[in-house]
Amino acid sequence: MYTMETAVTLTLSEAAAVLNPPVTEQQLRQIVSALGWKPAGNRHTGKRGRPWPVYDATRLLELHAALVPFLADNRA
């Protein structure tokens, strides 16, 4: 029997739209780049041009949870 793992993926734009407290797409892009994360895949849009890179949603949420204390410090 085969087990199939399905990962939920998000673009950085989608992740920025759902994270609370908010983080901009640019902030996420810079953090992910600094960490050296590679996309989990690409999402084809059906339009011309490059497909959008997507990242594992669980990793993005865990990253955000780790950053929340630092985000709160900057707002004070």
N, C-alpha and C. Protein backbone atom coordinates (compact mmCIF):
# COMPACT_ATOMS: atom_id res chain seq x y z
N MET A 1 0.85 -1.18 0.00
CA MET A 1 0.00 0.00 0.00
C MET A 1 0.89 1.24 0.00
N TYR A 2 0.52 2.19 -0.81
CA TYR A 2 1.27 3.44 -0.90
C TYR A 2 0.59 4.52 -0.07
N THR A 3 1.39 5.31 0.58
CA THR A 3 0.83 6.46 1.29
C THR A 3 1.15 7.69 0.48
N MET A 4 0.19 8.56 0.38
CA MET A 4 0.38 9.76 -0.40
C MET A 4 0.37 10.96 0.53
N GLU A 5 1.42 11.74 0.46
CA GLU A 5 1.49 12.94 1.27
C GLU A 5 1.15 14.13 0.38
N THR A 6 0.22 14.92 0.83
CA THR A 6 -0.15 16.12 0.10
C THR A 6 0.17 17.32 0.97
N ALA A 7 1.01 18.17 0.43
CA ALA A 7 1.39 19.37 1.17
C ALA A 7 0.57 20.54 0.65
N VAL A 8 0.08 21.34 1.56
CA VAL A 8 -0.60 22.57 1.17
C VAL A 8 0.49 23.60 0.93
N THR A 9 0.41 24.26 -0.21
CA THR A 9 1.41 25.25 -0.54
C THR A 9 0.76 26.61 -0.74
N LEU A 10 1.55 27.65 -0.50
CA LEU A 10 1.09 29.02 -0.65
C LEU A 10 2.16 29.82 -1.38
N THR A 11 1.72 30.80 -2.15
CA THR A 11 2.66 31.78 -2.64
C THR A 11 2.96 32.73 -1.49
N LEU A 12 4.02 33.50 -1.59
CA LEU A 12 4.32 34.45 -0.52
C LEU A 12 3.24 35.51 -0.42
N SER A 13 2.64 35.85 -1.55
CA SER A 13 1.54 36.82 -1.55
C SER A 13 0.34 36.28 -0.78
N GLU A 14 0.00 35.02 -1.01
CA GLU A 14 -1.12 34.40 -0.30
C GLU A 14 -0.83 34.31 1.19
N ALA A 15 0.39 33.93 1.54
CA ALA A 15 0.77 33.83 2.95
C ALA A 15 0.66 35.20 3.63
N ALA A 16 1.15 36.23 2.97
CA ALA A 16 1.10 37.58 3.54
C ALA A 16 -0.34 38.02 3.78
N ALA A 17 -1.25 37.57 2.92
CA ALA A 17 -2.66 37.97 3.04
C ALA A 17 -3.36 37.30 4.22
N VAL A 18 -2.88 36.15 4.67
CA VAL A 18 -3.58 35.43 5.74
C VAL A 18 -2.89 35.50 7.10
N LEU A 19 -1.64 35.89 7.13
CA LEU A 19 -0.92 35.91 8.40
C LEU A 19 -1.37 37.06 9.28
N ASN A 20 -1.46 36.77 10.59
CA ASN A 20 -1.86 37.79 11.55
C ASN A 20 -1.02 37.60 12.80
N PRO A 21 -0.25 38.57 13.26
CA PRO A 21 -0.17 39.94 12.78
C PRO A 21 0.41 39.97 11.36
N PRO A 22 0.03 41.00 10.61
CA PRO A 22 0.40 41.06 9.21
C PRO A 22 1.90 41.16 8.97
N VAL A 23 2.30 40.56 7.88
CA VAL A 23 3.66 40.63 7.36
C VAL A 23 3.50 40.90 5.88
N THR A 24 4.32 41.76 5.32
CA THR A 24 4.19 42.05 3.89
C THR A 24 4.84 40.94 3.07
N GLU A 25 4.45 40.88 1.81
CA GLU A 25 5.05 39.91 0.90
C GLU A 25 6.56 40.17 0.79
N GLN A 26 6.94 41.43 0.74
CA GLN A 26 8.35 41.78 0.63
C GLN A 26 9.13 41.30 1.86
N GLN A 27 8.55 41.48 3.05
CA GLN A 27 9.21 41.00 4.27
C GLN A 27 9.39 39.48 4.23
N LEU A 28 8.33 38.78 3.84
CA LEU A 28 8.43 37.32 3.74
C LEU A 28 9.48 36.92 2.73
N ARG A 29 9.50 37.57 1.59
CA ARG A 29 10.46 37.25 0.53
C ARG A 29 11.90 37.43 1.06
N GLN A 30 12.14 38.51 1.78
CA GLN A 30 13.48 38.77 2.31
C GLN A 30 13.88 37.73 3.36
N ILE A 31 12.95 37.37 4.23
CA ILE A 31 13.24 36.38 5.28
C ILE A 31 13.50 35.01 4.67
N VAL A 32 12.64 34.60 3.75
CA VAL A 32 12.79 33.29 3.11
C VAL A 32 14.11 33.24 2.34
N SER A 33 14.45 34.33 1.67
CA SER A 33 15.71 34.40 0.94
C SER A 33 16.89 34.33 1.89
N ALA A 34 16.83 35.06 3.00
CA ALA A 34 17.91 35.05 3.98
C ALA A 34 18.12 33.65 4.58
N LEU A 35 17.03 32.91 4.73
CA LEU A 35 17.12 31.55 5.27
C LEU A 35 17.56 30.54 4.22
N GLY A 36 17.57 30.96 2.97
CA GLY A 36 17.99 30.06 1.90
C GLY A 36 16.96 29.02 1.52
N TRP A 37 15.70 29.29 1.85
CA TRP A 37 14.63 28.34 1.51
C TRP A 37 14.40 28.32 0.01
N LYS A 38 14.22 27.14 -0.50
CA LYS A 38 13.87 26.95 -1.90
C LYS A 38 12.37 26.68 -1.98
N PRO A 39 11.72 27.08 -3.07
CA PRO A 39 10.29 26.81 -3.22
C PRO A 39 10.02 25.30 -3.20
N ALA A 40 8.84 24.94 -2.72
CA ALA A 40 8.41 23.54 -2.72
C ALA A 40 7.95 23.13 -4.11
N GLY A 41 7.71 24.10 -4.95
CA GLY A 41 7.26 23.84 -6.31
C GLY A 41 6.89 25.15 -6.99
N ASN A 42 6.19 25.02 -8.09
CA ASN A 42 5.74 26.18 -8.84
C ASN A 42 4.28 26.01 -9.20
N ARG A 43 3.56 27.10 -9.19
CA ARG A 43 2.16 27.09 -9.58
C ARG A 43 2.02 27.75 -10.95
N HIS A 44 1.52 26.99 -11.87
CA HIS A 44 1.29 27.53 -13.21
C HIS A 44 -0.03 28.29 -13.20
N THR A 45 0.00 29.48 -13.75
CA THR A 45 -1.16 30.36 -13.69
C THR A 45 -2.06 30.24 -14.91
N GLY A 46 -1.57 29.59 -15.95
CA GLY A 46 -2.34 29.52 -17.18
C GLY A 46 -2.10 30.73 -18.07
N LYS A 47 -1.26 31.63 -17.58
CA LYS A 47 -0.92 32.83 -18.35
C LYS A 47 0.53 32.73 -18.79
N ARG A 48 0.91 33.60 -19.69
CA ARG A 48 2.30 33.64 -20.12
C ARG A 48 3.18 34.14 -18.99
N GLY A 49 4.43 33.76 -19.04
CA GLY A 49 5.36 34.20 -18.02
C GLY A 49 5.76 33.06 -17.10
N ARG A 50 6.51 33.42 -16.11
CA ARG A 50 7.02 32.43 -15.16
C ARG A 50 5.92 31.95 -14.22
N PRO A 51 6.00 30.67 -13.85
CA PRO A 51 5.07 30.19 -12.81
C PRO A 51 5.46 30.79 -11.46
N TRP A 52 4.51 30.85 -10.55
CA TRP A 52 4.74 31.43 -9.24
C TRP A 52 5.36 30.38 -8.32
N PRO A 53 6.42 30.74 -7.60
CA PRO A 53 6.97 29.79 -6.63
C PRO A 53 6.02 29.65 -5.44
N VAL A 54 5.91 28.43 -4.95
CA VAL A 54 5.06 28.15 -3.79
C VAL A 54 5.90 27.50 -2.71
N TYR A 55 5.50 27.74 -1.47
CA TYR A 55 6.22 27.24 -0.30
C TYR A 55 5.27 26.43 0.56
N ASP A 56 5.83 25.50 1.31
CA ASP A 56 5.04 24.67 2.20
C ASP A 56 4.36 25.56 3.24
N ALA A 57 3.04 25.47 3.31
CA ALA A 57 2.26 26.34 4.20
C ALA A 57 2.63 26.11 5.67
N THR A 58 2.86 24.88 6.06
CA THR A 58 3.20 24.58 7.45
C THR A 58 4.50 25.28 7.84
N ARG A 59 5.49 25.22 6.97
CA ARG A 59 6.78 25.88 7.27
C ARG A 59 6.60 27.39 7.39
N LEU A 60 5.79 27.97 6.49
CA LEU A 60 5.56 29.42 6.55
C LEU A 60 4.85 29.82 7.84
N LEU A 61 3.86 29.02 8.26
CA LEU A 61 3.14 29.32 9.49
C LEU A 61 4.04 29.17 10.72
N GLU A 62 4.90 28.16 10.71
CA GLU A 62 5.83 27.97 11.82
C GLU A 62 6.85 29.11 11.86
N LEU A 63 7.31 29.54 10.70
CA LEU A 63 8.22 30.67 10.63
C LEU A 63 7.56 31.92 11.20
N HIS A 64 6.33 32.16 10.81
CA HIS A 64 5.60 33.33 11.30
C HIS A 64 5.43 33.27 12.81
N ALA A 65 5.08 32.10 13.33
CA ALA A 65 4.90 31.95 14.77
C ALA A 65 6.20 32.27 15.52
N ALA A 66 7.34 31.90 14.94
CA ALA A 66 8.62 32.20 15.57
C ALA A 66 8.95 33.69 15.50
N LEU A 67 8.44 34.37 14.49
CA LEU A 67 8.74 35.80 14.30
C LEU A 67 7.80 36.72 15.07
N VAL A 68 6.63 36.25 15.47
CA VAL A 68 5.62 37.09 16.10
C VAL A 68 6.18 37.91 17.28
N PRO A 69 6.95 37.32 18.20
CA PRO A 69 7.46 38.13 19.31
C PRO A 69 8.32 39.30 18.84
N PHE A 70 9.05 39.11 17.76
CA PHE A 70 9.91 40.17 17.24
C PHE A 70 9.09 41.22 16.50
N LEU A 71 8.01 40.81 15.87
CA LEU A 71 7.14 41.75 15.19
C LEU A 71 6.46 42.66 16.19
N ALA A 72 6.05 42.08 17.31
CA ALA A 72 5.37 42.86 18.36
C ALA A 72 6.32 43.90 18.96
N ASP A 73 7.60 43.54 19.11
CA ASP A 73 8.58 44.48 19.67
C ASP A 73 8.77 45.71 18.79
N ASN A 74 8.68 45.54 17.49
CA ASN A 74 8.88 46.66 16.57
C ASN A 74 7.70 47.62 16.56
N ARG A 75 6.54 47.20 17.02
CA ARG A 75 5.35 48.04 16.99
C ARG A 75 5.22 48.90 18.24
N ALA A 76 5.95 48.57 19.25
CA ALA A 76 5.84 49.31 20.53
C ALA A 76 6.58 50.62 20.47
